[in-house]
């Protein structure tokens, strides 16, 4: 198990949840970031975008976002977002 832990890398999953009336489920979207700061920057931008929507939009859409740390095997196809 120790050897396995040495190969792991920490990533951050930005999970965005959205709820709207008369929908069968909560909608979600997620992105992976290499650093917590990149994730928090993206989260801030997402939430600021929502806050800038008009009240009519916010009356029918509720959203929130979370940065979730996760130990992962190294990702070979992921590129830095520069967030």
N, C-alpha and C. Protein backbone atom coordinates (compact mmCIF):
# COMPACT_ATOMS: atom_id res chain seq x y z
N UNK A 1 0.82 -1.20 0.00
CA UNK A 1 0.00 0.00 0.00
C UNK A 1 0.87 1.27 0.00
N UNK A 2 2.00 1.25 0.74
CA UNK A 2 2.89 2.41 0.77
C UNK A 2 3.41 2.74 -0.63
N UNK A 3 3.79 1.70 -1.36
CA UNK A 3 4.31 1.89 -2.72
C UNK A 3 3.24 2.51 -3.61
N UNK A 4 2.03 2.09 -3.45
CA UNK A 4 0.92 2.64 -4.20
C UNK A 4 0.73 4.12 -3.88
N UNK A 5 0.79 4.48 -2.60
CA UNK A 5 0.62 5.88 -2.18
C UNK A 5 1.70 6.78 -2.79
N UNK A 6 2.91 6.26 -2.95
CA UNK A 6 4.00 7.04 -3.52
C UNK A 6 3.70 7.43 -4.97
N UNK A 7 2.97 6.60 -5.69
CA UNK A 7 2.66 6.86 -7.09
C UNK A 7 1.46 7.80 -7.25
N UNK A 8 0.73 8.04 -6.19
CA UNK A 8 -0.49 8.84 -6.27
C UNK A 8 -0.14 10.33 -6.35
N UNK A 9 -1.05 11.09 -6.93
CA UNK A 9 -0.91 12.54 -6.99
C UNK A 9 -2.24 13.15 -6.55
N UNK A 10 -2.18 14.30 -5.92
CA UNK A 10 -3.41 14.95 -5.46
C UNK A 10 -3.94 15.83 -6.59
N UNK A 11 -5.23 15.66 -6.89
CA UNK A 11 -5.92 16.51 -7.84
C UNK A 11 -7.12 17.11 -7.12
N UNK A 12 -7.76 18.07 -7.77
CA UNK A 12 -8.92 18.73 -7.17
C UNK A 12 -10.05 18.72 -8.17
N UNK A 13 -11.18 18.21 -7.74
CA UNK A 13 -12.37 18.10 -8.57
C UNK A 13 -13.30 19.27 -8.25
N UNK A 14 -13.57 20.10 -9.25
CA UNK A 14 -14.56 21.17 -9.08
C UNK A 14 -15.90 20.57 -9.46
N UNK A 15 -16.76 20.38 -8.48
CA UNK A 15 -18.08 19.82 -8.68
C UNK A 15 -19.10 20.94 -8.60
N UNK A 16 -19.85 21.13 -9.68
CA UNK A 16 -20.88 22.17 -9.74
C UNK A 16 -22.24 21.50 -9.79
N UNK A 17 -23.09 21.84 -8.83
CA UNK A 17 -24.43 21.27 -8.73
C UNK A 17 -25.46 22.34 -9.05
N UNK A 18 -26.52 21.93 -9.75
CA UNK A 18 -27.54 22.89 -10.17
C UNK A 18 -28.91 22.25 -10.01
N UNK A 19 -29.84 23.00 -9.42
CA UNK A 19 -31.20 22.51 -9.24
C UNK A 19 -32.17 23.51 -9.87
N UNK A 20 -33.16 22.96 -10.57
CA UNK A 20 -34.20 23.78 -11.20
C UNK A 20 -35.55 23.14 -10.91
N UNK A 21 -36.62 23.93 -10.85
CA UNK A 21 -37.94 23.35 -10.59
C UNK A 21 -38.36 22.38 -11.70
N UNK A 22 -39.16 21.41 -11.31
CA UNK A 22 -39.78 20.46 -12.23
C UNK A 22 -38.77 19.63 -13.03
N UNK A 23 -37.60 19.41 -12.46
CA UNK A 23 -36.60 18.56 -13.11
C UNK A 23 -36.54 17.23 -12.36
N UNK A 24 -36.26 16.14 -13.06
CA UNK A 24 -36.24 14.82 -12.40
C UNK A 24 -35.02 14.61 -11.49
N UNK A 25 -34.00 15.46 -11.63
CA UNK A 25 -32.78 15.25 -10.86
C UNK A 25 -32.00 16.55 -10.74
N UNK A 26 -31.00 16.55 -9.88
CA UNK A 26 -30.05 17.65 -9.80
C UNK A 26 -29.05 17.46 -10.93
N UNK A 27 -28.73 18.54 -11.63
CA UNK A 27 -27.73 18.47 -12.70
C UNK A 27 -26.36 18.74 -12.09
N UNK A 28 -25.33 18.18 -12.72
CA UNK A 28 -23.98 18.40 -12.23
C UNK A 28 -23.00 18.45 -13.38
N UNK A 29 -21.86 19.07 -13.10
CA UNK A 29 -20.75 19.11 -14.03
C UNK A 29 -19.49 19.12 -13.18
N UNK A 30 -18.39 18.63 -13.72
CA UNK A 30 -17.16 18.57 -12.93
C UNK A 30 -15.95 18.76 -13.83
N UNK A 31 -14.94 19.39 -13.25
CA UNK A 31 -13.65 19.59 -13.92
C UNK A 31 -12.54 19.24 -12.94
N UNK A 32 -11.42 18.79 -13.47
CA UNK A 32 -10.27 18.42 -12.65
C UNK A 32 -9.20 19.50 -12.76
N UNK A 33 -8.59 19.83 -11.62
CA UNK A 33 -7.49 20.80 -11.56
C UNK A 33 -6.31 20.19 -10.83
N UNK A 34 -5.11 20.62 -11.21
CA UNK A 34 -3.90 20.13 -10.58
C UNK A 34 -3.67 20.70 -9.19
N UNK A 35 -4.11 21.94 -8.96
CA UNK A 35 -3.87 22.58 -7.68
C UNK A 35 -5.17 23.07 -7.07
N UNK A 36 -5.14 23.19 -5.76
CA UNK A 36 -6.32 23.70 -5.06
C UNK A 36 -6.59 25.15 -5.48
N UNK A 37 -5.54 25.92 -5.68
CA UNK A 37 -5.72 27.32 -6.08
C UNK A 37 -6.41 27.43 -7.43
N UNK A 38 -6.02 26.60 -8.39
CA UNK A 38 -6.69 26.60 -9.69
C UNK A 38 -8.18 26.28 -9.52
N UNK A 39 -8.47 25.30 -8.68
CA UNK A 39 -9.85 24.90 -8.45
C UNK A 39 -10.64 26.04 -7.79
N UNK A 40 -10.06 26.64 -6.77
CA UNK A 40 -10.75 27.74 -6.07
C UNK A 40 -10.97 28.94 -6.98
N UNK A 41 -10.01 29.22 -7.86
CA UNK A 41 -10.16 30.31 -8.82
C UNK A 41 -11.31 30.03 -9.78
N UNK A 42 -11.38 28.80 -10.27
CA UNK A 42 -12.47 28.42 -11.17
C UNK A 42 -13.81 28.46 -10.45
N UNK A 43 -13.84 28.00 -9.21
CA UNK A 43 -15.07 28.03 -8.41
C UNK A 43 -15.54 29.47 -8.22
N UNK A 44 -14.62 30.35 -7.90
CA UNK A 44 -14.96 31.76 -7.70
C UNK A 44 -15.56 32.34 -8.99
N UNK A 45 -14.94 32.06 -10.12
CA UNK A 45 -15.47 32.55 -11.40
C UNK A 45 -16.86 32.02 -11.70
N UNK A 46 -17.07 30.73 -11.43
CA UNK A 46 -18.38 30.11 -11.65
C UNK A 46 -19.44 30.78 -10.79
N UNK A 47 -19.13 30.96 -9.50
CA UNK A 47 -20.11 31.54 -8.59
C UNK A 47 -20.34 33.03 -8.88
N UNK A 48 -19.30 33.75 -9.29
CA UNK A 48 -19.47 35.16 -9.67
C UNK A 48 -20.36 35.27 -10.90
N UNK A 49 -20.18 34.37 -11.85
CA UNK A 49 -21.02 34.35 -13.04
C UNK A 49 -22.49 34.14 -12.66
N UNK A 50 -22.73 33.22 -11.73
CA UNK A 50 -24.10 32.99 -11.26
C UNK A 50 -24.64 34.23 -10.56
N UNK A 51 -23.85 34.83 -9.68
CA UNK A 51 -24.30 36.01 -8.93
C UNK A 51 -24.62 37.18 -9.85
N UNK A 52 -23.98 37.25 -11.01
CA UNK A 52 -24.23 38.33 -11.96
C UNK A 52 -25.47 38.11 -12.82
N UNK A 53 -26.09 36.94 -12.70
CA UNK A 53 -27.34 36.67 -13.44
C UNK A 53 -28.47 37.51 -12.83
N UNK A 54 -29.49 37.75 -13.64
CA UNK A 54 -30.62 38.54 -13.12
C UNK A 54 -31.42 37.71 -12.11
N UNK A 55 -32.26 38.39 -11.35
CA UNK A 55 -33.00 37.74 -10.29
C UNK A 55 -33.97 36.68 -10.82
N UNK A 56 -34.54 36.94 -11.99
CA UNK A 56 -35.47 35.96 -12.58
C UNK A 56 -34.75 34.62 -12.82
N UNK A 57 -33.51 34.68 -13.27
CA UNK A 57 -32.72 33.45 -13.47
C UNK A 57 -32.47 32.77 -12.13
N UNK A 58 -32.04 33.55 -11.13
CA UNK A 58 -31.72 32.98 -9.82
C UNK A 58 -32.96 32.46 -9.10
N UNK A 59 -34.15 32.96 -9.47
CA UNK A 59 -35.38 32.44 -8.87
C UNK A 59 -35.71 31.05 -9.39
N UNK A 60 -35.16 30.66 -10.54
CA UNK A 60 -35.47 29.34 -11.09
C UNK A 60 -34.25 28.41 -11.17
N UNK A 61 -33.08 28.90 -10.81
CA UNK A 61 -31.87 28.07 -10.81
C UNK A 61 -31.11 28.30 -9.51
N UNK A 62 -30.83 27.21 -8.81
CA UNK A 62 -30.00 27.28 -7.60
C UNK A 62 -28.75 26.47 -7.90
N UNK A 63 -27.60 27.02 -7.54
CA UNK A 63 -26.34 26.32 -7.81
C UNK A 63 -25.34 26.53 -6.68
N UNK A 64 -24.40 25.63 -6.61
CA UNK A 64 -23.26 25.77 -5.71
C UNK A 64 -22.13 24.94 -6.29
N UNK A 65 -20.92 25.21 -5.84
CA UNK A 65 -19.74 24.51 -6.35
C UNK A 65 -18.82 24.15 -5.19
N UNK A 66 -18.09 23.06 -5.37
CA UNK A 66 -17.22 22.55 -4.32
C UNK A 66 -15.91 22.07 -4.93
N UNK A 67 -14.79 22.35 -4.26
CA UNK A 67 -13.49 21.82 -4.66
C UNK A 67 -13.20 20.62 -3.75
N UNK A 68 -13.10 19.46 -4.36
CA UNK A 68 -12.93 18.23 -3.61
C UNK A 68 -11.55 17.65 -3.91
N UNK A 69 -10.69 17.51 -2.87
CA UNK A 69 -9.38 16.90 -3.10
C UNK A 69 -9.53 15.39 -3.31
N UNK A 70 -8.66 14.84 -4.14
CA UNK A 70 -8.74 13.43 -4.47
C UNK A 70 -7.35 12.91 -4.81
N UNK A 71 -6.97 11.77 -4.22
CA UNK A 71 -5.71 11.13 -4.57
C UNK A 71 -5.94 10.29 -5.82
N UNK A 72 -5.13 10.54 -6.83
CA UNK A 72 -5.31 9.90 -8.12
C UNK A 72 -3.98 9.33 -8.61
N UNK A 73 -4.07 8.32 -9.45
CA UNK A 73 -2.88 7.92 -10.19
C UNK A 73 -2.51 9.09 -11.10
N UNK A 74 -1.25 9.24 -11.46
CA UNK A 74 -0.86 10.35 -12.35
C UNK A 74 -1.70 10.36 -13.63
N UNK A 75 -2.12 11.53 -14.02
CA UNK A 75 -2.94 11.69 -15.21
C UNK A 75 -2.05 12.11 -16.37
N UNK A 76 -2.09 11.35 -17.45
CA UNK A 76 -1.17 11.60 -18.56
C UNK A 76 -1.75 12.49 -19.63
N UNK A 77 -3.07 12.66 -19.68
CA UNK A 77 -3.67 13.45 -20.76
C UNK A 77 -4.17 14.80 -20.30
N UNK A 78 -3.97 15.12 -19.04
CA UNK A 78 -4.49 16.37 -18.50
C UNK A 78 -3.48 17.50 -18.69
N UNK A 79 -3.97 18.65 -19.13
CA UNK A 79 -3.13 19.82 -19.31
C UNK A 79 -3.52 20.87 -18.28
N UNK A 80 -2.56 21.69 -17.88
CA UNK A 80 -2.84 22.76 -16.93
C UNK A 80 -3.85 23.73 -17.52
N UNK A 81 -4.78 24.19 -16.68
CA UNK A 81 -5.81 25.11 -17.14
C UNK A 81 -5.36 26.55 -17.07
N UNK A 82 -4.36 26.81 -16.23
CA UNK A 82 -3.91 28.18 -16.05
C UNK A 82 -4.89 29.03 -15.26
N UNK A 83 -5.84 28.37 -14.60
CA UNK A 83 -6.83 29.11 -13.80
C UNK A 83 -6.18 29.77 -12.63
